[in-house]
């Protein structure tokens, strides 16, 4: 269970699980990410809900994670929370443009992106487990 002393570790752990699972999903069904972005682009309600959930998730990570200038992992997670918030705001404000850009990224080299997601996820899981063992 998370507490103020190990919240950064737990956030990192769940982000790592997410990244690994998303990467495996794309490897299992190539083009899944591109189809997902296409579906979001074509459905205004889904685009709004995606933007809202993304914005709220980013805000929650940003607000809950403690800022510690001497802790690189804490800084990275706080910056990630801010980026997720901005991503949600962009989906809400200029979703057509932002998702068109995302669609171009997702349609090319999907296996590369899936591999990058898995590698980042594994690094995050390792960092989280080290952090949680220390705390």
N, C-alpha and C. Protein backbone atom coordinates (compact mmCIF):
# COMPACT_ATOMS: atom_id res chain seq x y z
N UNK A 1 0.84 -1.18 0.00
CA UNK A 1 0.00 0.00 0.00
C UNK A 1 0.89 1.23 0.00
N UNK A 2 0.49 2.23 -0.77
CA UNK A 2 1.29 3.44 -0.87
C UNK A 2 1.13 4.35 0.33
N UNK A 3 2.19 5.08 0.62
CA UNK A 3 2.14 6.15 1.61
C UNK A 3 3.03 7.27 1.11
N UNK A 4 3.10 8.36 1.84
CA UNK A 4 3.85 9.53 1.38
C UNK A 4 5.31 9.20 1.12
N UNK A 5 5.86 8.24 1.83
CA UNK A 5 7.27 7.90 1.66
C UNK A 5 7.58 7.09 0.42
N UNK A 6 6.59 6.37 -0.11
CA UNK A 6 6.90 5.51 -1.26
C UNK A 6 5.96 5.72 -2.45
N UNK A 7 5.24 6.83 -2.47
CA UNK A 7 4.27 7.07 -3.54
C UNK A 7 4.94 7.14 -4.91
N UNK A 8 6.13 7.74 -5.00
CA UNK A 8 6.84 7.81 -6.28
C UNK A 8 7.13 6.40 -6.80
N UNK A 9 7.54 5.51 -5.92
CA UNK A 9 7.81 4.13 -6.32
C UNK A 9 6.57 3.43 -6.85
N UNK A 10 5.44 3.62 -6.18
CA UNK A 10 4.21 2.97 -6.62
C UNK A 10 3.71 3.55 -7.94
N UNK A 11 3.78 4.86 -8.11
CA UNK A 11 3.37 5.46 -9.39
C UNK A 11 4.25 4.92 -10.51
N UNK A 12 5.56 4.86 -10.27
CA UNK A 12 6.49 4.34 -11.27
C UNK A 12 6.19 2.87 -11.58
N UNK A 13 5.86 2.09 -10.56
CA UNK A 13 5.53 0.68 -10.74
C UNK A 13 4.32 0.51 -11.67
N UNK A 14 3.25 1.26 -11.41
CA UNK A 14 2.05 1.10 -12.23
C UNK A 14 2.23 1.67 -13.63
N UNK A 15 3.03 2.72 -13.78
CA UNK A 15 3.35 3.22 -15.12
C UNK A 15 4.15 2.15 -15.88
N UNK A 16 5.07 1.49 -15.20
CA UNK A 16 5.84 0.41 -15.82
C UNK A 16 4.96 -0.73 -16.28
N UNK A 17 4.03 -1.16 -15.42
CA UNK A 17 3.11 -2.23 -15.81
C UNK A 17 2.28 -1.82 -17.03
N UNK A 18 1.80 -0.59 -17.01
CA UNK A 18 1.02 -0.08 -18.14
C UNK A 18 1.84 -0.12 -19.43
N UNK A 19 3.09 0.37 -19.38
CA UNK A 19 3.93 0.45 -20.58
C UNK A 19 4.23 -0.95 -21.13
N UNK A 20 4.53 -1.89 -20.25
CA UNK A 20 4.81 -3.27 -20.69
C UNK A 20 3.55 -3.88 -21.31
N UNK A 21 2.42 -3.74 -20.64
CA UNK A 21 1.17 -4.32 -21.16
C UNK A 21 0.78 -3.70 -22.50
N UNK A 22 0.92 -2.38 -22.62
CA UNK A 22 0.58 -1.71 -23.88
C UNK A 22 1.50 -2.18 -25.00
N UNK A 23 2.77 -2.32 -24.71
CA UNK A 23 3.72 -2.80 -25.72
C UNK A 23 3.41 -4.22 -26.16
N UNK A 24 3.11 -5.08 -25.21
CA UNK A 24 2.75 -6.47 -25.54
C UNK A 24 1.48 -6.49 -26.38
N UNK A 25 0.51 -5.66 -26.01
CA UNK A 25 -0.73 -5.59 -26.78
C UNK A 25 -0.50 -5.20 -28.23
N UNK A 26 0.39 -4.24 -28.46
CA UNK A 26 0.70 -3.83 -29.84
C UNK A 26 1.46 -4.93 -30.58
N UNK A 27 2.36 -5.64 -29.91
CA UNK A 27 3.05 -6.76 -30.56
C UNK A 27 2.07 -7.88 -30.93
N UNK A 28 1.12 -8.14 -30.03
CA UNK A 28 0.14 -9.20 -30.27
C UNK A 28 -0.78 -8.86 -31.43
N UNK A 29 -1.19 -7.60 -31.49
CA UNK A 29 -2.12 -7.15 -32.53
C UNK A 29 -1.55 -5.90 -33.20
N UNK A 30 -0.61 -6.07 -34.12
CA UNK A 30 0.00 -4.91 -34.76
C UNK A 30 -1.05 -3.97 -35.37
N UNK A 31 -0.84 -2.68 -35.17
CA UNK A 31 -1.78 -1.69 -35.66
C UNK A 31 -2.86 -1.31 -34.66
N UNK A 32 -2.87 -1.97 -33.51
CA UNK A 32 -3.88 -1.69 -32.48
C UNK A 32 -3.85 -0.23 -32.05
N UNK A 33 -2.65 0.28 -31.78
CA UNK A 33 -2.54 1.68 -31.33
C UNK A 33 -3.04 2.64 -32.40
N UNK A 34 -2.67 2.38 -33.66
CA UNK A 34 -3.11 3.25 -34.76
C UNK A 34 -4.62 3.23 -34.90
N UNK A 35 -5.22 2.04 -34.79
CA UNK A 35 -6.69 1.93 -34.88
C UNK A 35 -7.36 2.65 -33.72
N UNK A 36 -6.76 2.55 -32.53
CA UNK A 36 -7.31 3.22 -31.36
C UNK A 36 -7.32 4.74 -31.56
N UNK A 37 -6.21 5.29 -32.03
CA UNK A 37 -6.14 6.73 -32.27
C UNK A 37 -7.14 7.13 -33.35
N UNK A 38 -7.27 6.31 -34.40
CA UNK A 38 -8.25 6.58 -35.46
C UNK A 38 -9.66 6.61 -34.89
N UNK A 39 -10.00 5.64 -34.05
CA UNK A 39 -11.33 5.60 -33.44
C UNK A 39 -11.59 6.84 -32.59
N UNK A 40 -10.60 7.27 -31.83
CA UNK A 40 -10.76 8.46 -30.99
C UNK A 40 -10.94 9.69 -31.86
N UNK A 41 -10.18 9.79 -32.95
CA UNK A 41 -10.29 10.94 -33.86
C UNK A 41 -11.68 11.04 -34.47
N UNK A 42 -12.31 9.90 -34.73
CA UNK A 42 -13.58 9.88 -35.44
C UNK A 42 -14.80 10.01 -34.54
N UNK A 43 -14.62 10.00 -33.23
CA UNK A 43 -15.76 10.04 -32.30
C UNK A 43 -15.57 11.19 -31.32
N UNK A 44 -16.38 12.24 -31.48
CA UNK A 44 -16.23 13.44 -30.64
C UNK A 44 -16.40 13.14 -29.16
N UNK A 45 -17.37 12.32 -28.81
CA UNK A 45 -17.60 12.00 -27.40
C UNK A 45 -16.41 11.24 -26.83
N UNK A 46 -15.90 10.28 -27.58
CA UNK A 46 -14.74 9.51 -27.13
C UNK A 46 -13.51 10.41 -27.03
N UNK A 47 -13.37 11.34 -27.96
CA UNK A 47 -12.25 12.29 -27.92
C UNK A 47 -12.35 13.15 -26.66
N UNK A 48 -13.53 13.65 -26.36
CA UNK A 48 -13.71 14.48 -25.16
C UNK A 48 -13.41 13.67 -23.90
N UNK A 49 -13.96 12.47 -23.80
CA UNK A 49 -13.72 11.64 -22.62
C UNK A 49 -12.25 11.26 -22.48
N UNK A 50 -11.60 10.95 -23.59
CA UNK A 50 -10.17 10.63 -23.55
C UNK A 50 -9.37 11.83 -23.05
N UNK A 51 -9.68 13.01 -23.56
CA UNK A 51 -9.00 14.22 -23.10
C UNK A 51 -9.23 14.48 -21.63
N UNK A 52 -10.48 14.32 -21.19
CA UNK A 52 -10.81 14.58 -19.79
C UNK A 52 -10.11 13.59 -18.86
N UNK A 53 -10.17 12.31 -19.18
CA UNK A 53 -9.54 11.29 -18.33
C UNK A 53 -8.02 11.49 -18.32
N UNK A 54 -7.44 11.78 -19.47
CA UNK A 54 -5.99 12.00 -19.55
C UNK A 54 -5.59 13.22 -18.72
N UNK A 55 -6.33 14.31 -18.86
CA UNK A 55 -6.06 15.52 -18.09
C UNK A 55 -6.15 15.25 -16.59
N UNK A 56 -7.20 14.57 -16.16
CA UNK A 56 -7.37 14.28 -14.73
C UNK A 56 -6.31 13.33 -14.20
N UNK A 57 -5.93 12.33 -14.98
CA UNK A 57 -4.88 11.41 -14.56
C UNK A 57 -3.55 12.14 -14.41
N UNK A 58 -3.22 12.98 -15.38
CA UNK A 58 -1.99 13.76 -15.29
C UNK A 58 -1.98 14.69 -14.10
N UNK A 59 -3.12 15.35 -13.85
CA UNK A 59 -3.22 16.25 -12.70
C UNK A 59 -3.04 15.47 -11.40
N UNK A 60 -3.65 14.30 -11.31
CA UNK A 60 -3.53 13.49 -10.09
C UNK A 60 -2.09 13.07 -9.85
N UNK A 61 -1.41 12.61 -10.88
CA UNK A 61 0.00 12.22 -10.72
C UNK A 61 0.83 13.42 -10.30
N UNK A 62 0.63 14.55 -10.97
CA UNK A 62 1.39 15.76 -10.67
C UNK A 62 1.17 16.22 -9.23
N UNK A 63 -0.08 16.20 -8.79
CA UNK A 63 -0.40 16.70 -7.45
C UNK A 63 -0.02 15.74 -6.33
N UNK A 64 -0.11 14.45 -6.58
CA UNK A 64 0.14 13.45 -5.53
C UNK A 64 1.63 13.16 -5.36
N UNK A 65 2.37 13.17 -6.46
CA UNK A 65 3.78 12.82 -6.36
C UNK A 65 4.56 13.94 -5.67
N UNK A 66 5.34 13.60 -4.65
CA UNK A 66 6.11 14.64 -3.95
C UNK A 66 7.24 15.18 -4.83
N UNK A 67 7.42 16.49 -4.80
CA UNK A 67 8.52 17.11 -5.54
C UNK A 67 9.74 17.14 -4.65
N UNK A 68 10.80 16.47 -5.09
CA UNK A 68 12.05 16.45 -4.35
C UNK A 68 13.18 16.73 -5.33
N UNK A 69 13.73 17.95 -5.32
CA UNK A 69 14.77 18.31 -6.29
C UNK A 69 16.00 17.41 -6.24
N UNK A 70 16.23 16.72 -5.15
CA UNK A 70 17.38 15.83 -5.03
C UNK A 70 17.11 14.41 -5.47
N UNK A 71 15.92 14.13 -5.98
CA UNK A 71 15.50 12.78 -6.33
C UNK A 71 15.10 12.74 -7.81
N UNK A 72 15.95 12.15 -8.65
CA UNK A 72 15.70 12.13 -10.08
C UNK A 72 14.38 11.44 -10.43
N UNK A 73 14.07 10.32 -9.79
CA UNK A 73 12.84 9.61 -10.09
C UNK A 73 11.62 10.46 -9.75
N UNK A 74 11.66 11.16 -8.63
CA UNK A 74 10.57 12.05 -8.24
C UNK A 74 10.37 13.15 -9.28
N UNK A 75 11.47 13.70 -9.76
CA UNK A 75 11.39 14.75 -10.78
C UNK A 75 10.78 14.19 -12.07
N UNK A 76 11.25 13.02 -12.50
CA UNK A 76 10.75 12.41 -13.74
C UNK A 76 9.25 12.13 -13.66
N UNK A 77 8.79 11.61 -12.54
CA UNK A 77 7.37 11.29 -12.40
C UNK A 77 6.53 12.56 -12.35
N UNK A 78 7.02 13.60 -11.68
CA UNK A 78 6.29 14.87 -11.63
C UNK A 78 6.20 15.47 -13.03
N UNK A 79 7.30 15.45 -13.77
CA UNK A 79 7.30 15.97 -15.15
C UNK A 79 6.38 15.13 -16.03
N UNK A 80 6.38 13.82 -15.84
CA UNK A 80 5.49 12.95 -16.60
C UNK A 80 4.03 13.29 -16.31
N UNK A 81 3.70 13.51 -15.04
CA UNK A 81 2.35 13.92 -14.68
C UNK A 81 1.95 15.21 -15.37
N UNK A 82 2.87 16.18 -15.40
CA UNK A 82 2.59 17.45 -16.07
C UNK A 82 2.38 17.23 -17.57
N UNK A 83 3.22 16.37 -18.19
CA UNK A 83 3.07 16.09 -19.61
C UNK A 83 1.73 15.41 -19.90
N UNK A 84 1.33 14.46 -19.09
CA UNK A 84 0.05 13.78 -19.29
C UNK A 84 -1.09 14.79 -19.18
N UNK A 85 -0.99 15.71 -18.23
CA UNK A 85 -1.99 16.78 -18.09
C UNK A 85 -2.06 17.61 -19.37
N UNK A 86 -0.90 18.04 -19.87
CA UNK A 86 -0.85 18.86 -21.09
C UNK A 86 -1.41 18.08 -22.28
N UNK A 87 -1.09 16.79 -22.35
CA UNK A 87 -1.62 15.95 -23.43
C UNK A 87 -3.15 15.93 -23.39
N UNK A 88 -3.72 15.77 -22.20
CA UNK A 88 -5.17 15.79 -22.07
C UNK A 88 -5.76 17.13 -22.48
N UNK A 89 -5.11 18.23 -22.07
CA UNK A 89 -5.58 19.56 -22.45
C UNK A 89 -5.52 19.74 -23.97
N UNK A 90 -4.46 19.24 -24.60
CA UNK A 90 -4.35 19.33 -26.06
C UNK A 90 -5.44 18.52 -26.76
N UNK A 91 -5.75 17.35 -26.23
CA UNK A 91 -6.82 16.53 -26.82
C UNK A 91 -8.15 17.27 -26.72
N UNK A 92 -8.39 17.94 -25.59
CA UNK A 92 -9.63 18.70 -25.43
C UNK A 92 -9.66 19.94 -26.32
N UNK A 93 -8.55 20.68 -26.38
CA UNK A 93 -8.53 21.97 -27.07
C UNK A 93 -8.33 21.86 -28.58
N UNK A 94 -7.39 21.06 -28.99
CA UNK A 94 -7.05 20.93 -30.42
C UNK A 94 -6.90 19.45 -30.78
N UNK A 95 -7.88 18.67 -30.38
CA UNK A 95 -7.80 17.22 -30.55
C UNK A 95 -7.60 16.79 -31.98
N UNK A 96 -8.24 17.47 -32.92
CA UNK A 96 -8.08 17.08 -34.32
C UNK A 96 -6.63 17.18 -34.77
N UNK A 97 -5.96 18.25 -34.41
CA UNK A 97 -4.55 18.44 -34.80
C UNK A 97 -3.63 17.51 -34.02
N UNK A 98 -3.85 17.44 -32.70
CA UNK A 98 -2.98 16.61 -31.86
C UNK A 98 -3.10 15.14 -32.22
N UNK A 99 -4.32 14.67 -32.44
CA UNK A 99 -4.52 13.26 -32.77
C UNK A 99 -4.08 12.93 -34.19
N UNK A 100 -4.12 13.90 -35.10
CA UNK A 100 -3.58 13.68 -36.45
C UNK A 100 -2.07 13.44 -36.35
N UNK A 101 -1.40 14.23 -35.51
CA UNK A 101 0.04 14.05 -35.28
C UNK A 101 0.30 12.68 -34.65
N UNK A 102 -0.48 12.33 -33.62
CA UNK A 102 -0.32 11.04 -32.95
C UNK A 102 -0.58 9.89 -33.92
N UNK A 103 -1.54 10.07 -34.80
CA UNK A 103 -1.87 9.04 -35.77
C UNK A 103 -0.69 8.76 -36.70
N UNK A 104 -0.01 9.82 -37.12
CA UNK A 104 1.17 9.64 -37.98
C UNK A 104 2.27 8.89 -37.24
N UNK A 105 2.45 9.19 -35.96
CA UNK A 105 3.46 8.48 -35.16
C UNK A 105 3.10 7.01 -34.99
N UNK A 106 1.83 6.73 -34.75
CA UNK A 106 1.41 5.36 -34.45
C UNK A 106 1.35 4.49 -35.70
N UNK A 107 1.14 5.09 -36.86
CA UNK A 107 0.98 4.27 -38.06
C UNK A 107 2.32 3.81 -38.63
N UNK A 108 3.39 4.51 -38.28
CA UNK A 108 4.70 4.09 -38.78
C UNK A 108 5.51 3.44 -37.66
N UNK A 109 6.17 2.37 -37.98
CA UNK A 109 7.07 1.68 -37.04
C UNK A 109 6.38 1.26 -35.75
N UNK A 110 5.21 0.64 -35.87
CA UNK A 110 4.46 0.26 -34.66
C UNK A 110 5.23 -0.76 -33.82
N UNK A 111 5.96 -1.65 -34.45
CA UNK A 111 6.75 -2.62 -33.68
C UNK A 111 7.87 -1.92 -32.92
N UNK A 112 8.46 -0.91 -33.53
CA UNK A 112 9.50 -0.14 -32.84
C UNK A 112 8.91 0.54 -31.61
N UNK A 113 7.76 1.20 -31.77
CA UNK A 113 7.12 1.87 -30.63
C UNK A 113 6.74 0.87 -29.55
N UNK A 114 6.26 -0.30 -29.95
CA UNK A 114 5.91 -1.33 -28.97
C UNK A 114 7.14 -1.78 -28.20
N UNK A 115 8.24 -1.98 -28.90
CA UNK A 115 9.49 -2.36 -28.24
C UNK A 115 9.99 -1.29 -27.29
N UNK A 116 9.92 -0.03 -27.73
CA UNK A 116 10.32 1.09 -26.86
C UNK A 116 9.45 1.13 -25.62
N UNK A 117 8.15 0.91 -25.79
CA UNK A 117 7.23 0.91 -24.65
C UNK A 117 7.59 -0.18 -23.65
N UNK A 118 7.90 -1.36 -24.15
CA UNK A 118 8.26 -2.47 -23.26
C UNK A 118 9.57 -2.18 -22.53
N UNK A 119 10.56 -1.67 -23.24
CA UNK A 119 11.85 -1.37 -22.61
C UNK A 119 11.69 -0.29 -21.54
N UNK A 120 10.96 0.77 -21.86
CA UNK A 120 10.72 1.83 -20.87
C UNK A 120 9.97 1.26 -19.67
N UNK A 121 8.97 0.41 -19.95
CA UNK A 121 8.22 -0.21 -18.87
C UNK A 121 9.08 -1.07 -17.97
N UNK A 122 9.99 -1.84 -18.57
CA UNK A 122 10.88 -2.68 -17.76
C UNK A 122 11.83 -1.82 -16.91
N UNK A 123 12.35 -0.74 -17.49
CA UNK A 123 13.19 0.17 -16.70
C UNK A 123 12.39 0.78 -15.55
N UNK A 124 11.14 1.18 -15.84
CA UNK A 124 10.30 1.76 -14.79
C UNK A 124 10.02 0.74 -13.69
N UNK A 125 9.73 -0.50 -14.08
CA UNK A 125 9.49 -1.54 -13.07
C UNK A 125 10.73 -1.78 -12.22
N UNK A 126 11.90 -1.82 -12.85
CA UNK A 126 13.14 -2.00 -12.10
C UNK A 126 13.35 -0.83 -11.14
N UNK A 127 13.20 0.40 -11.63
CA UNK A 127 13.38 1.58 -10.78
C UNK A 127 12.38 1.57 -9.63
N UNK A 128 11.15 1.17 -9.92
CA UNK A 128 10.12 1.13 -8.88
C UNK A 128 10.45 0.10 -7.81
N UNK A 129 10.86 -1.09 -8.24
CA UNK A 129 11.17 -2.14 -7.27
C UNK A 129 12.37 -1.77 -6.41
N UNK A 130 13.38 -1.14 -7.02
CA UNK A 130 14.52 -0.66 -6.23
C UNK A 130 14.04 0.37 -5.22
N UNK A 131 13.23 1.32 -5.67
CA UNK A 131 12.72 2.38 -4.78
C UNK A 131 11.89 1.79 -3.64
N UNK A 132 11.02 0.85 -3.97
CA UNK A 132 10.14 0.27 -2.95
C UNK A 132 10.92 -0.58 -1.96
N UNK A 133 12.00 -1.20 -2.39
CA UNK A 133 12.84 -1.97 -1.47
C UNK A 133 13.61 -1.06 -0.53
N UNK A 134 13.98 0.13 -1.02
CA UNK A 134 14.72 1.09 -0.19
C UNK A 134 13.81 1.72 0.86
N UNK A 135 12.54 1.91 0.50
CA UNK A 135 11.62 2.62 1.39
C UNK A 135 10.97 1.68 2.31
